[in-house]
Amino acid sequence: MSLKQLTVFVENKQGTLVAITDTLAKHDVNIRALSIADTQDFGILRLIVTDYDKAEKILMDEGFLVKSTLVVGVKIGDAPGKLSTALDILDRAGINMEYLYAFMSRTEKHAYVVIRVADNALAEKALEDAGFHLISDADVCKL
């Protein structure tokens, strides 16, 4: 049930990020979650979108270097300690987390988090066994 994440390598210069977000908007692709990390010369933009295939094609056609990564999406109660509980479950299961970021959408009682680990199936099982609800690409489209 892993989510498809777009990883886009972008030049670290003014206007590049707006070019990407504007291109997606013009093609009716909605961004549900994003993370950007930068170095002096380039940035790594990670995106969860409502139409992965369309977004990937559009960005590649525009000349961006795009990579596909499967990540785990988990629904977490919106209260102090809930994220820590989910991360502790992964830690106790021996699962190393590479990075995480949150969705731009949230409900009144929940937040949605994207987690990158080496073994999605193992992480998904550990989280589900602990009572967490995982989200799918179809769920992303409903947010």
Protein backbone atom coordinates (compact mmCIF):
# COMPACT_ATOMS: atom_id res chain seq x y z
CA MET A 1 0.00 0.00 0.00
CA SER A 2 3.01 2.29 -0.29
CA LEU A 3 2.56 5.79 -1.70
CA LYS A 4 4.29 6.93 -4.86
CA GLN A 5 6.54 9.89 -4.19
CA LEU A 6 8.08 12.09 -6.87
CA THR A 7 11.63 13.16 -6.15
CA VAL A 8 12.67 16.07 -8.34
CA PHE A 9 16.23 17.33 -8.52
CA VAL A 10 16.17 21.09 -9.03
CA GLU A 11 18.71 23.83 -9.52
CA ASN A 12 19.11 26.00 -6.44
CA LYS A 13 18.17 29.23 -8.16
CA GLN A 14 15.36 31.72 -7.92
CA GLY A 15 12.19 30.73 -9.76
CA THR A 16 12.83 27.01 -10.10
CA LEU A 17 10.39 25.92 -7.42
CA VAL A 18 7.65 28.21 -8.72
CA ALA A 19 8.21 26.81 -12.22
CA ILE A 20 7.52 23.30 -10.91
CA THR A 21 4.50 24.19 -8.80
CA ASP A 22 3.05 26.40 -11.53
CA THR A 23 3.48 23.67 -14.14
CA LEU A 24 1.66 21.17 -11.95
CA ALA A 25 -1.12 23.67 -11.22
CA LYS A 26 -1.64 24.41 -14.92
CA HIS A 27 -2.19 20.68 -15.47
CA ASP A 28 -4.62 20.32 -12.53
CA VAL A 29 -2.24 18.26 -10.40
CA ASN A 30 -2.74 19.02 -6.74
CA ILE A 31 0.17 18.77 -4.29
CA ARG A 32 -0.80 17.05 -1.06
CA ALA A 33 2.59 16.91 0.64
CA LEU A 34 6.03 18.27 -0.09
CA SER A 35 9.48 18.54 1.33
CA ILE A 36 12.49 20.37 -0.01
CA ALA A 37 16.09 20.11 1.06
CA ASP A 38 18.84 22.14 -0.51
CA THR A 39 22.54 22.22 -0.95
CA GLN A 40 24.54 25.06 -2.40
CA ASP A 41 23.97 23.95 -6.00
CA PHE A 42 20.75 21.93 -6.11
CA GLY A 43 17.66 20.97 -4.18
CA ILE A 44 15.74 17.78 -3.67
CA LEU A 45 11.99 18.30 -3.89
CA ARG A 46 9.80 15.45 -2.68
CA LEU A 47 6.13 15.49 -3.66
CA ILE A 48 2.99 13.48 -3.01
CA VAL A 49 0.42 14.50 -5.63
CA THR A 50 -3.12 13.60 -6.63
CA ASP A 51 -2.08 12.25 -10.06
CA TYR A 52 1.39 10.74 -9.87
CA ASP A 53 1.63 9.46 -13.46
CA LYS A 54 0.51 12.75 -14.95
CA ALA A 55 2.85 14.78 -12.74
CA GLU A 56 5.83 12.55 -13.53
CA LYS A 57 5.27 12.86 -17.28
CA ILE A 58 4.72 16.63 -17.15
CA LEU A 59 7.87 17.27 -15.11
CA MET A 60 9.99 14.97 -17.26
CA ASP A 61 8.65 16.67 -20.41
CA GLU A 62 9.70 20.00 -18.88
CA GLY A 63 13.25 18.67 -18.52
CA PHE A 64 13.33 17.98 -14.80
CA LEU A 65 15.20 14.98 -13.44
CA VAL A 66 12.51 12.93 -11.68
CA LYS A 67 12.85 9.77 -9.62
CA SER A 68 10.12 7.55 -8.22
CA THR A 69 10.28 6.43 -4.59
CA LEU A 70 7.82 4.36 -2.60
CA VAL A 71 7.11 5.70 0.88
CA VAL A 72 4.77 4.88 3.74
CA GLY A 73 1.82 7.17 4.44
CA VAL A 74 0.34 6.95 7.92
CA LYS A 75 -2.61 8.63 9.61
CA ILE A 76 -1.64 9.81 13.07
CA GLY A 77 -3.83 11.25 15.80
CA ASP A 78 -3.42 15.01 16.11
CA ALA A 79 -2.35 15.07 19.76
CA PRO A 80 0.95 15.37 21.63
CA GLY A 81 2.95 12.13 21.57
CA LYS A 82 1.13 10.41 18.68
CA LEU A 83 3.98 10.90 16.20
CA SER A 84 6.46 9.73 18.82
CA THR A 85 4.39 6.58 19.35
CA ALA A 86 4.47 5.74 15.62
CA LEU A 87 8.20 6.38 15.41
CA ASP A 88 8.83 4.29 18.52
CA ILE A 89 6.98 1.37 16.90
CA LEU A 90 9.29 1.54 13.90
CA ASP A 91 12.33 1.85 16.16
CA ARG A 92 11.35 -1.17 18.26
CA ALA A 93 10.80 -3.15 15.04
CA GLY A 94 14.38 -2.33 14.00
CA ILE A 95 13.25 -0.09 11.13
CA ASN A 96 15.48 2.89 10.37
CA MET A 97 13.67 5.99 9.19
CA GLU A 98 15.49 7.95 6.48
CA TYR A 99 13.23 11.02 6.57
CA LEU A 100 9.66 12.13 7.15
CA TYR A 101 7.42 15.05 6.40
CA ALA A 102 3.77 15.93 6.93
CA PHE A 103 0.89 16.44 4.54
CA MET A 104 -0.44 19.88 3.78
CA SER A 105 -3.96 18.59 4.46
CA ARG A 106 -5.20 17.45 7.82
CA THR A 107 -8.50 16.60 9.39
CA GLU A 108 -9.83 17.88 12.67
CA LYS A 109 -8.51 14.87 14.58
CA HIS A 110 -5.65 13.51 12.45
CA ALA A 111 -2.50 14.49 10.64
CA TYR A 112 -0.95 12.58 7.75
CA VAL A 113 2.75 11.80 7.65
CA VAL A 114 5.04 10.46 4.91
CA ILE A 115 7.83 8.20 6.15
CA ARG A 116 10.75 6.88 4.10
CA VAL A 117 12.24 3.58 5.29
CA ALA A 118 14.27 0.84 3.64
CA ASP A 119 11.52 -1.79 3.95
CA ASN A 120 8.02 -0.39 3.41
CA ALA A 121 6.27 -3.73 3.89
CA LEU A 122 7.90 -4.27 7.28
CA ALA A 123 7.11 -0.71 8.40
CA GLU A 124 3.53 -0.96 7.18
CA LYS A 125 3.00 -4.24 9.05
CA ALA A 126 4.50 -2.85 12.27
CA LEU A 127 2.32 0.26 12.11
CA GLU A 128 -0.86 -1.64 11.18
CA ASP A 129 -0.24 -4.21 13.92
CA ALA A 130 -0.04 -1.29 16.37
CA GLY A 131 -3.41 0.04 15.18
CA PHE A 132 -2.29 2.81 12.83
CA HIS A 133 -4.23 3.40 9.62
CA LEU A 134 -2.08 3.55 6.48
CA ILE A 135 -3.07 5.69 3.56
CA SER A 136 -2.95 4.81 -0.12
CA ASP A 137 -2.58 6.80 -3.33
CA ALA A 138 -6.39 6.64 -3.61
CA ASP A 139 -6.69 8.20 -0.13
CA VAL A 140 -4.39 11.03 -1.21
CA CYS A 141 -6.78 11.92 -4.03
CA LYS A 142 -9.63 12.26 -1.51
CA LEU A 143 -7.80 14.72 0.76
